[in-house]
Amino acid sequence: LLDAAHILGDVEGGEPAVSNGLSLCAIHHRAFDQNLVGVSPDYVVHVSRALREDKDGPMLDLLKHFHEAPLLVPARVSHRPNREQLESRFVRFVDLAA
């Protein structure tokens, strides 16, 4: 069961397009929306330091394993997440993680 997570929301100029989305499970979608997980423009997943340092059981441990893992992207380039939008969103993730 997957959700369509917007990279940039409507108020941020995001469009309802495949390139402005990530296909995530509900848990990862919420973590992405809360900037606990970010995706860099080179399609690498980053888990916030706060989550990586937290000790809260097996579910969190599974999430931590995604830190610095490559994002699996569609073969069709037009269906891949837009790198410029990822950059805008990743800057926010980095700022909030500091």
PDB file of N, CA and C in Angstrom:
ATOM      1  N   LEU A   1       0.841  -1.170   0.000  1.00  0.00           N
ATOM      2  CA  LEU A   1       0.000   0.000   0.000  1.00  0.00           C
ATOM      3  C   LEU A   1       0.886   1.233   0.000  1.00  0.00           C
ATOM      4  N   LEU A   2       0.787   2.006  -1.064  1.00  0.00           N
ATOM      5  CA  LEU A   2       1.661   3.163  -1.227  1.00  0.00           C
ATOM      6  C   LEU A   2       0.868   4.459  -1.282  1.00  0.00           C
ATOM      7  N   ASP A   3       1.502   5.511  -0.820  1.00  0.00           N
ATOM      8  CA  ASP A   3       0.960   6.867  -0.887  1.00  0.00           C
ATOM      9  C   ASP A   3       1.734   7.652  -1.936  1.00  0.00           C
ATOM     10  N   ALA A   4       1.096   8.688  -2.456  1.00  0.00           N
ATOM     11  CA  ALA A   4       1.782   9.643  -3.323  1.00  0.00           C
ATOM     12  C   ALA A   4       2.163  10.838  -2.456  1.00  0.00           C
ATOM     13  N   ALA A   5       3.437  10.965  -2.150  1.00  0.00           N
ATOM     14  CA  ALA A   5       3.933  12.058  -1.312  1.00  0.00           C
ATOM     15  C   ALA A   5       4.422  13.188  -2.210  1.00  0.00           C
ATOM     16  N   HIS A   6       3.871  14.381  -2.015  1.00  0.00           N
ATOM     17  CA  HIS A   6       4.324  15.536  -2.792  1.00  0.00           C
ATOM     18  C   HIS A   6       5.712  15.969  -2.331  1.00  0.00           C
ATOM     19  N   ILE A   7       6.570  16.270  -3.288  1.00  0.00           N
ATOM     20  CA  ILE A   7       7.876  16.843  -2.954  1.00  0.00           C
ATOM     21  C   ILE A   7       7.655  18.285  -2.511  1.00  0.00           C
ATOM     22  N   LEU A   8       6.972  19.044  -3.335  1.00  0.00           N
ATOM     23  CA  LEU A   8       6.577  20.417  -2.995  1.00  0.00           C
ATOM     24  C   LEU A   8       5.058  20.481  -2.989  1.00  0.00           C
ATOM     25  N   GLY A   9       4.492  21.016  -1.925  1.00  0.00           N
ATOM     26  CA  GLY A   9       3.047  21.149  -1.831  1.00  0.00           C
ATOM     27  C   GLY A   9       2.513  22.246  -2.735  1.00  0.00           C
ATOM     28  N   ASP A  10       1.201  22.316  -2.840  1.00  0.00           N
ATOM     29  CA  ASP A  10       0.554  23.318  -3.691  1.00  0.00           C
ATOM     30  C   ASP A  10       0.972  24.736  -3.321  1.00  0.00           C
ATOM     31  N   VAL A  11       1.041  25.045  -2.037  1.00  0.00           N
ATOM     32  CA  VAL A  11       1.396  26.397  -1.600  1.00  0.00           C
ATOM     33  C   VAL A  11       2.861  26.723  -1.868  1.00  0.00           C
ATOM     34  N   GLU A  12       3.661  25.705  -2.159  1.00  0.00           N
ATOM     35  CA  GLU A  12       5.085  25.908  -2.462  1.00  0.00           C
ATOM     36  C   GLU A  12       5.346  25.912  -3.963  1.00  0.00           C
ATOM     37  N   GLY A  13       4.289  25.897  -4.750  1.00  0.00           N
ATOM     38  CA  GLY A  13       4.441  25.901  -6.193  1.00  0.00           C
ATOM     39  C   GLY A  13       4.525  24.517  -6.801  1.00  0.00           C
ATOM     40  N   GLY A  14       4.268  23.497  -6.004  1.00  0.00           N
ATOM     41  CA  GLY A  14       4.284  22.132  -6.524  1.00  0.00           C
ATOM     42  C   GLY A  14       3.077  21.873  -7.405  1.00  0.00           C
ATOM     43  N   GLU A  15       3.272  21.082  -8.420  1.00  0.00           N
ATOM     44  CA  GLU A  15       2.199  20.759  -9.352  1.00  0.00           C
ATOM     45  C   GLU A  15       1.756  19.313  -9.148  1.00  0.00           C
ATOM     46  N   PRO A  16       0.509  19.007  -9.505  1.00  0.00           N
ATOM     47  CA  PRO A  16       0.045  17.625  -9.412  1.00  0.00           C
ATOM     48  C   PRO A  16       0.594  16.799 -10.585  1.00  0.00           C
ATOM     49  N   ALA A  17       1.877  16.486 -10.511  1.00  0.00           N
ATOM     50  CA  ALA A  17       2.549  15.757 -11.585  1.00  0.00           C
ATOM     51  C   ALA A  17       3.378  14.624 -10.987  1.00  0.00           C
ATOM     52  N   VAL A  18       3.585  13.593 -11.752  1.00  0.00           N
ATOM     53  CA  VAL A  18       4.374  12.446 -11.304  1.00  0.00           C
ATOM     54  C   VAL A  18       5.755  12.894 -10.851  1.00  0.00           C
ATOM     55  N   SER A  19       6.347  13.842 -11.552  1.00  0.00           N
ATOM     56  CA  SER A  19       7.704  14.296 -11.226  1.00  0.00           C
ATOM     57  C   SER A  19       7.776  15.076  -9.910  1.00  0.00           C
ATOM     58  N   ASN A  20       6.623  15.451  -9.358  1.00  0.00           N
ATOM     59  CA  ASN A  20       6.579  16.148  -8.073  1.00  0.00           C
ATOM     60  C   ASN A  20       6.127  15.193  -6.965  1.00  0.00           C
ATOM     61  N   GLY A  21       6.434  13.933  -7.129  1.00  0.00           N
ATOM     62  CA  GLY A  21       5.981  12.981  -6.132  1.00  0.00           C
ATOM     63  C   GLY A  21       6.957  11.860  -5.879  1.00  0.00           C
ATOM     64  N   LEU A  22       6.761  11.242  -4.729  1.00  0.00           N
ATOM     65  CA  LEU A  22       7.494  10.043  -4.346  1.00  0.00           C
ATOM     66  C   LEU A  22       6.458   9.007  -3.943  1.00  0.00           C
ATOM     67  N   SER A  23       6.669   7.786  -4.341  1.00  0.00           N
ATOM     68  CA  SER A  23       5.789   6.693  -3.959  1.00  0.00           C
ATOM     69  C   SER A  23       6.330   6.088  -2.669  1.00  0.00           C
ATOM     70  N   LEU A  24       5.628   6.340  -1.557  1.00  0.00           N
ATOM     71  CA  LEU A  24       6.107   5.925  -0.237  1.00  0.00           C
ATOM     72  C   LEU A  24       5.004   5.199   0.524  1.00  0.00           C
ATOM     73  N   CYS A  25       5.401   4.317   1.419  1.00  0.00           N
ATOM     74  CA  CYS A  25       4.417   3.730   2.329  1.00  0.00           C
ATOM     75  C   CYS A  25       3.981   4.827   3.297  1.00  0.00           C
ATOM     76  N   ALA A  26       2.923   4.575   4.045  1.00  0.00           N
ATOM     77  CA  ALA A  26       2.365   5.595   4.938  1.00  0.00           C
ATOM     78  C   ALA A  26       3.377   6.068   5.983  1.00  0.00           C
ATOM     79  N   ILE A  27       4.156   5.156   6.533  1.00  0.00           N
ATOM     80  CA  ILE A  27       5.138   5.533   7.561  1.00  0.00           C
ATOM     81  C   ILE A  27       6.202   6.453   6.979  1.00  0.00           C
ATOM     82  N   HIS A  28       6.748   6.086   5.820  1.00  0.00           N
ATOM     83  CA  HIS A  28       7.792   6.907   5.204  1.00  0.00           C
ATOM     84  C   HIS A  28       7.223   8.233   4.699  1.00  0.00           C
ATOM     85  N   HIS A  29       5.974   8.215   4.253  1.00  0.00           N
ATOM     86  CA  HIS A  29       5.321   9.448   3.809  1.00  0.00           C
ATOM     87  C   HIS A  29       5.239  10.438   4.975  1.00  0.00           C
ATOM     88  N   ARG A  30       4.796   9.966   6.136  1.00  0.00           N
ATOM     89  CA  ARG A  30       4.691  10.854   7.299  1.00  0.00           C
ATOM     90  C   ARG A  30       6.067  11.357   7.728  1.00  0.00           C
ATOM     91  N   ALA A  31       7.058  10.479   7.696  1.00  0.00           N
ATOM     92  CA  ALA A  31       8.425  10.887   8.064  1.00  0.00           C
ATOM     93  C   ALA A  31       8.946  11.939   7.088  1.00  0.00           C
ATOM     94  N   PHE A  32       8.646  11.780   5.797  1.00  0.00           N
ATOM     95  CA  PHE A  32       9.061  12.750   4.782  1.00  0.00           C
ATOM     96  C   PHE A  32       8.353  14.086   5.013  1.00  0.00           C
ATOM     97  N   ASP A  33       7.052  14.043   5.260  1.00  0.00           N
ATOM     98  CA  ASP A  33       6.287  15.273   5.497  1.00  0.00           C
ATOM     99  C   ASP A  33       6.770  16.016   6.739  1.00  0.00           C
ATOM    100  N   GLN A  34       7.255  15.293   7.727  1.00  0.00           N
ATOM    101  CA  GLN A  34       7.743  15.903   8.967  1.00  0.00           C
ATOM    102  C   GLN A  34       9.234  16.241   8.907  1.00  0.00           C
ATOM    103  N   ASN A  35       9.836  16.064   7.727  1.00  0.00           N
ATOM    104  CA  ASN A  35      11.269  16.320   7.524  1.00  0.00           C
ATOM    105  C   ASN A  35      12.151  15.490   8.455  1.00  0.00           C
ATOM    106  N   LEU A  36      11.710  14.293   8.749  1.00  0.00           N
ATOM    107  CA  LEU A  36      12.523  13.335   9.492  1.00  0.00           C
ATOM    108  C   LEU A  36      13.335  12.486   8.524  1.00  0.00           C
ATOM    109  N   VAL A  37      12.871  12.449   7.284  1.00  0.00           N
ATOM    110  CA  VAL A  37      13.544  11.763   6.185  1.00  0.00           C
ATOM    111  C   VAL A  37      13.581  12.736   5.018  1.00  0.00           C
ATOM    112  N   GLY A  38      14.699  12.793   4.324  1.00  0.00           N
ATOM    113  CA  GLY A  38      14.835  13.647   3.154  1.00  0.00           C
ATOM    114  C   GLY A  38      15.421  12.864   1.993  1.00  0.00           C
ATOM    115  N   VAL A  39      15.242  13.398   0.797  1.00  0.00           N
ATOM    116  CA  VAL A  39      15.820  12.796  -0.407  1.00  0.00           C
ATOM    117  C   VAL A  39      16.601  13.888  -1.119  1.00  0.00           C
ATOM    118  N   SER A  40      17.882  13.648  -1.315  1.00  0.00           N
ATOM    119  CA  SER A  40      18.735  14.633  -1.989  1.00  0.00           C
ATOM    120  C   SER A  40      18.511  14.577  -3.498  1.00  0.00           C
ATOM    121  N   PRO A  41      18.931  15.622  -4.216  1.00  0.00           N
ATOM    122  CA  PRO A  41      18.717  15.663  -5.663  1.00  0.00           C
ATOM    123  C   PRO A  41      19.437  14.554  -6.428  1.00  0.00           C
ATOM    124  N   ASP A  42      20.403  13.906  -5.788  1.00  0.00           N
ATOM    125  CA  ASP A  42      21.071  12.775  -6.442  1.00  0.00           C
ATOM    126  C   ASP A  42      20.405  11.450  -6.073  1.00  0.00           C
ATOM    127  N   TYR A  43      19.155  11.538  -5.591  1.00  0.00           N
ATOM    128  CA  TYR A  43      18.319  10.377  -5.272  1.00  0.00           C
ATOM    129  C   TYR A  43      18.913   9.496  -4.179  1.00  0.00           C
ATOM    130  N   VAL A  44      19.372  10.132  -3.107  1.00  0.00           N
ATOM    131  CA  VAL A  44      19.872   9.410  -1.939  1.00  0.00           C
ATOM    132  C   VAL A  44      18.968   9.755  -0.757  1.00  0.00           C
ATOM    133  N   VAL A  45      18.578   8.730  -0.015  1.00  0.00           N
ATOM    134  CA  VAL A  45      17.715   8.901   1.152  1.00  0.00           C
ATOM    135  C   VAL A  45      18.567   9.287   2.359  1.00  0.00           C
ATOM    136  N   HIS A  46      18.080  10.249   3.135  1.00  0.00           N
ATOM    137  CA  HIS A  46      18.769  10.687   4.348  1.00  0.00           C
ATOM    138  C   HIS A  46      17.785  10.643   5.509  1.00  0.00           C
ATOM    139  N   VAL A  47      18.230  10.091   6.616  1.00  0.00           N
ATOM    140  CA  VAL A  47      17.427  10.045   7.838  1.00  0.00           C
ATOM    141  C   VAL A  47      18.014  11.076   8.794  1.00  0.00           C
ATOM    142  N   SER A  48      17.158  11.869   9.401  1.00  0.00           N
ATOM    143  CA  SER A  48      17.631  12.940  10.278  1.00  0.00           C
ATOM    144  C   SER A  48      18.486  12.388  11.415  1.00  0.00           C
ATOM    145  N   ARG A  49      19.409  13.213  11.852  1.00  0.00           N
ATOM    146  CA  ARG A  49      20.286  12.822  12.965  1.00  0.00           C
ATOM    147  C   ARG A  49      19.458  12.484  14.206  1.00  0.00           C
ATOM    148  N   ALA A  50      18.413  13.259  14.461  1.00  0.00           N
ATOM    149  CA  ALA A  50      17.571  13.012  15.638  1.00  0.00           C
ATOM    150  C   ALA A  50      17.008  11.593  15.624  1.00  0.00           C
ATOM    151  N   LEU A  51      16.538  11.144  14.461  1.00  0.00           N
ATOM    152  CA  LEU A  51      16.018   9.778  14.374  1.00  0.00           C
ATOM    153  C   LEU A  51      17.131   8.745  14.480  1.00  0.00           C
ATOM    154  N   ARG A  52      18.257   9.034  13.845  1.00  0.00           N
ATOM    155  CA  ARG A  52      19.363   8.062  13.880  1.00  0.00           C
ATOM    156  C   ARG A  52      19.902   7.873  15.293  1.00  0.00           C
ATOM    157  N   GLU A  53      19.834   8.914  16.117  1.00  0.00           N
ATOM    158  CA  GLU A  53      20.361   8.825  17.475  1.00  0.00           C
ATOM    159  C   GLU A  53      19.323   8.326  18.476  1.00  0.00           C
ATOM    160  N   ASP A  54      18.060   8.285  18.075  1.00  0.00           N
ATOM    161  CA  ASP A  54      16.994   7.834  18.970  1.00  0.00           C
ATOM    162  C   ASP A  54      17.018   6.309  19.093  1.00  0.00           C
ATOM    163  N   LYS A  55      16.674   5.826  20.249  1.00  0.00           N
ATOM    164  CA  LYS A  55      16.615   4.384  20.499  1.00  0.00           C
ATOM    165  C   LYS A  55      15.175   4.065  20.887  1.00  0.00           C
ATOM    166  N   ASP A  56      14.380   3.669  19.901  1.00  0.00           N
ATOM    167  CA  ASP A  56      12.955   3.486  20.165  1.00  0.00           C
ATOM    168  C   ASP A  56      12.399   2.192  19.586  1.00  0.00           C
ATOM    169  N   GLY A  57      13.207   1.180  19.434  1.00  0.00           N
ATOM    170  CA  GLY A  57      12.686  -0.113  19.032  1.00  0.00           C
ATOM    171  C   GLY A  57      12.909  -0.482  17.583  1.00  0.00           C
ATOM    172  N   PRO A  58      12.395  -1.656  17.196  1.00  0.00           N
ATOM    173  CA  PRO A  58      12.687  -2.239  15.885  1.00  0.00           C
ATOM    174  C   PRO A  58      12.154  -1.450  14.691  1.00  0.00           C
ATOM    175  N   MET A  59      10.994  -0.795  14.822  1.00  0.00           N
ATOM    176  CA  MET A  59      10.474  -0.028  13.680  1.00  0.00           C
ATOM    177  C   MET A  59      11.410   1.122  13.328  1.00  0.00           C
ATOM    178  N   LEU A  60      11.896   1.807  14.331  1.00  0.00           N
ATOM    179  CA  LEU A  60      12.820   2.911  14.095  1.00  0.00           C
ATOM    180  C   LEU A  60      14.146   2.386  13.566  1.00  0.00           C
ATOM    181  N   ASP A  61      14.583   1.244  14.063  1.00  0.00           N
ATOM    182  CA  ASP A  61      15.824   0.646  13.567  1.00  0.00           C
ATOM    183  C   ASP A  61      15.725   0.351  12.076  1.00  0.00           C
ATOM    184  N   LEU A  62      14.571  -0.122  11.622  1.00  0.00           N
ATOM    185  CA  LEU A  62      14.382  -0.382  10.190  1.00  0.00           C
ATOM    186  C   LEU A  62      14.483   0.908   9.383  1.00  0.00           C
ATOM    187  N   LEU A  63      13.894   1.968   9.886  1.00  0.00           N
ATOM    188  CA  LEU A  63      13.950   3.259   9.196  1.00  0.00           C
ATOM    189  C   LEU A  63      15.382   3.776   9.117  1.00  0.00           C
ATOM    190  N   LYS A  64      16.147   3.583  10.176  1.00  0.00           N
ATOM    191  CA  LYS A  64      17.541   4.039  10.206  1.00  0.00           C
ATOM    192  C   LYS A  64      18.378   3.392   9.111  1.00  0.00           C
ATOM    193  N   HIS A  65      18.042   2.166   8.730  1.00  0.00           N
ATOM    194  CA  HIS A  65      18.815   1.457   7.702  1.00  0.00           C
ATOM    195  C   HIS A  65      18.716   2.116   6.324  1.00  0.00           C
ATOM    196  N   PHE A  66      17.737   2.982   6.144  1.00  0.00           N
ATOM    197  CA  PHE A  66      17.591   3.665   4.857  1.00  0.00           C
ATOM    198  C   PHE A  66      18.544   4.850   4.713  1.00  0.00           C
ATOM    199  N   HIS A  67      19.214   5.247   5.795  1.00  0.00           N
ATOM    200  CA  HIS A  67      20.113   6.401   5.725  1.00  0.00           C
ATOM    201  C   HIS A  67      21.216   6.160   4.700  1.00  0.00           C
ATOM    202  N   GLU A  68      21.315   7.087   3.752  1.00  0.00           N
ATOM    203  CA  GLU A  68      22.291   7.084   2.657  1.00  0.00           C
ATOM    204  C   GLU A  68      22.085   5.940   1.665  1.00  0.00           C
ATOM    205  N   ALA A  69      20.879   5.400   1.628  1.00  0.00           N
ATOM    206  CA  ALA A  69      20.546   4.374   0.634  1.00  0.00           C
ATOM    207  C   ALA A  69      20.083   5.059  -0.651  1.00  0.00           C
ATOM    208  N   PRO A  70      20.368   4.453  -1.793  1.00  0.00           N
ATOM    209  CA  PRO A  70      19.880   5.040  -3.043  1.00  0.00           C
ATOM    210  C   PRO A  70      18.366   4.859  -3.166  1.00  0.00           C
ATOM    211  N   LEU A  71      17.713   5.889  -3.663  1.00  0.00           N
ATOM    212  CA  LEU A  71      16.284   5.815  -3.938  1.00  0.00           C
ATOM    213  C   LEU A  71      16.095   5.028  -5.226  1.00  0.00           C
ATOM    214  N   LEU A  72      15.169   4.106  -5.233  1.00  0.00           N
ATOM    215  CA  LEU A  72      14.856   3.390  -6.466  1.00  0.00           C
ATOM    216  C   LEU A  72      13.958   4.287  -7.305  1.00  0.00           C
ATOM    217  N   VAL A  73      14.400   4.582  -8.522  1.00  0.00           N
ATOM    218  CA  VAL A  73      13.647   5.491  -9.386  1.00  0.00           C
ATOM    219  C   VAL A  73      13.163   4.745 -10.622  1.00  0.00           C
ATOM    220  N   PRO A  74      12.082   5.222 -11.232  1.00  0.00           N
ATOM    221  CA  PRO A  74      11.569   4.583 -12.441  1.00  0.00           C
ATOM    222  C   PRO A  74      12.577   4.635 -13.592  1.00  0.00           C
ATOM    223  N   ALA A  75      12.509   3.662 -14.456  1.00  0.00           N
ATOM    224  CA  ALA A  75      13.381   3.637 -15.632  1.00  0.00           C
ATOM    225  C   ALA A  75      13.062   4.802 -16.567  1.00  0.00           C
ATOM    226  N   ARG A  76      11.799   5.141 -16.683  1.00  0.00           N
ATOM    227  CA  ARG A  76      11.384   6.245 -17.549  1.00  0.00           C
ATOM    228  C   ARG A  76      11.748   7.565 -16.875  1.00  0.00           C
ATOM    229  N   VAL A  77      12.610   8.332 -17.511  1.00  0.00           N
ATOM    230  CA  VAL A  77      13.112   9.585 -16.933  1.00  0.00           C
ATOM    231  C   VAL A  77      11.975  10.546 -16.598  1.00  0.00           C
ATOM    232  N   SER A  78      10.957  10.616 -17.421  1.00  0.00           N
ATOM    233  CA  SER A  78       9.849  11.547 -17.182  1.00  0.00           C
ATOM    234  C   SER A  78       9.046  11.192 -15.927  1.00  0.00           C
ATOM    235  N   HIS A  79       9.222   9.994 -15.407  1.00  0.00           N
ATOM    236  CA  HIS A  79       8.511   9.574 -14.197  1.00  0.00           C
ATOM    237  C   HIS A  79       9.361   9.704 -12.936  1.00  0.00           C
ATOM    238  N   ARG A  80      10.587  10.140 -13.097  1.00  0.00           N
ATOM    239  CA  ARG A  80      11.479  10.288 -11.945  1.00  0.00           C
ATOM    240  C   ARG A  80      11.188  11.593 -11.211  1.00  0.00           C
ATOM    241  N   PRO A  81      11.492  11.635  -9.911  1.00  0.00           N
ATOM    242  CA  PRO A  81      11.326  12.881  -9.162  1.00  0.00           C
ATOM    243  C   PRO A  81      12.185  14.002  -9.745  1.00  0.00           C
ATOM    244  N   ASN A  82      11.602  15.181  -9.811  1.00  0.00           N
ATOM    245  CA  ASN A  82      12.287  16.354 -10.345  1.00  0.00           C
ATOM    246  C   ASN A  82      13.425  16.759  -9.410  1.00  0.00           C
ATOM    247  N   ARG A  83      14.638  16.823  -9.947  1.00  0.00           N
ATOM    248  CA  ARG A  83      15.818  17.112  -9.123  1.00  0.00           C
ATOM    249  C   ARG A  83      15.789  18.526  -8.531  1.00  0.00           C
ATOM    250  N   GLU A  84      15.273  19.490  -9.269  1.00  0.00           N
ATOM    251  CA  GLU A  84      15.196  20.859  -8.740  1.00  0.00           C
ATOM    252  C   GLU A  84      14.222  20.936  -7.565  1.00  0.00           C
ATOM    253  N   GLN A  85      13.106  20.238  -7.675  1.00  0.00           N
ATOM    254  CA  GLN A  85      12.149  20.220  -6.572  1.00  0.00           C
ATOM    255  C   GLN A  85      12.731  19.482  -5.368  1.00  0.00           C
ATOM    256  N   LEU A  86      13.442  18.388  -5.632  1.00  0.00           N
ATOM    257  CA  LEU A  86      14.104  17.681  -4.534  1.00  0.00           C
ATOM    258  C   LEU A  86      15.125  18.584  -3.848  1.00  0.00           C
ATOM    259  N   GLU A  87      15.846  19.375  -4.631  1.00  0.00           N
ATOM    260  CA  GLU A  87      16.838  20.293  -4.057  1.00  0.00           C
ATOM    261  C   GLU A  87      16.164  21.283  -3.109  1.00  0.00           C
ATOM    262  N   SER A  88      15.066  21.883  -3.544  1.00  0.00           N
ATOM    263  CA  SER A  88      14.338  22.835  -2.694  1.00  0.00           C
ATOM    264  C   SER A  88      13.882  22.178  -1.402  1.00  0.00           C
ATOM    265  N   ARG A  89      13.346  21.003  -1.520  1.00  0.00           N
ATOM    266  CA  ARG A  89      12.848  20.289  -0.340  1.00  0.00           C
ATOM    267  C   ARG A  89      13.999  19.828   0.555  1.00  0.00           C
ATOM    268  N   PHE A  90      15.110  19.395  -0.055  1.00  0.00           N
ATOM    269  CA  PHE A  90      16.242  18.887   0.717  1.00  0.00           C
ATOM    270  C   PHE A  90      16.908  20.000   1.521  1.00  0.00           C
ATOM    271  N   VAL A  91      16.933  21.206   0.977  1.00  0.00           N
ATOM    272  CA  VAL A  91      17.481  22.355   1.713  1.00  0.00           C
ATOM    273  C   VAL A  91      16.699  22.539   3.013  1.00  0.00           C
ATOM    274  N   ARG A  92      15.393  22.440   2.941  1.00  0.00           N
ATOM    275  CA  ARG A  92      14.552  22.555   4.141  1.00  0.00           C
ATOM    276  C   ARG A  92      14.871  21.426   5.128  1.00  0.00           C
ATOM    277  N   PHE A  93      15.004  20.205   4.624  1.00  0.00           N
ATOM    278  CA  PHE A  93      15.348  19.063   5.484  1.00  0.00           C
ATOM    279  C   PHE A  93      16.662  19.316   6.213  1.00  0.00           C
ATOM    280  N   VAL A  94      17.672  19.772   5.482  1.00  0.00           N
ATOM    281  CA  VAL A  94      18.988  20.028   6.081  1.00  0.00           C
ATOM    282  C   VAL A  94      18.893  21.151   7.113  1.00  0.00           C
ATOM    283  N   ASP A  95      18.180  22.226   6.778  1.00  0.00           N
ATOM    284  CA  ASP A  95      18.028  23.349   7.715  1.00  0.00           C
ATOM    285  C   ASP A  95      17.344  22.914   9.008  1.00  0.00           C
ATOM    286  N   LEU A  96      16.318  22.103   8.895  1.00  0.00           N
ATOM    287  CA  LEU A  96      15.582  21.665  10.079  1.00  0.00           C
ATOM    288  C   LEU A  96      16.339  20.606  10.869  1.00  0.00           C
ATOM    289  N   ALA A  97      17.208  19.879  10.194  1.00  0.00           N
ATOM    290  CA  ALA A  97      17.972  18.821  10.864  1.00  0.00           C
ATOM    291  C   ALA A  97      19.157  19.382  11.638  1.00  0.00           C
ATOM    292  N   ALA A  98      19.540  20.628  11.344  1.00  0.00           N
ATOM    293  CA  ALA A  98      20.718  21.231  11.996  1.00  0.00           C
ATOM    294  C   ALA A  98      20.434  21.654  13.419  1.00  0.00           C
TER     295      ALA A  98
END
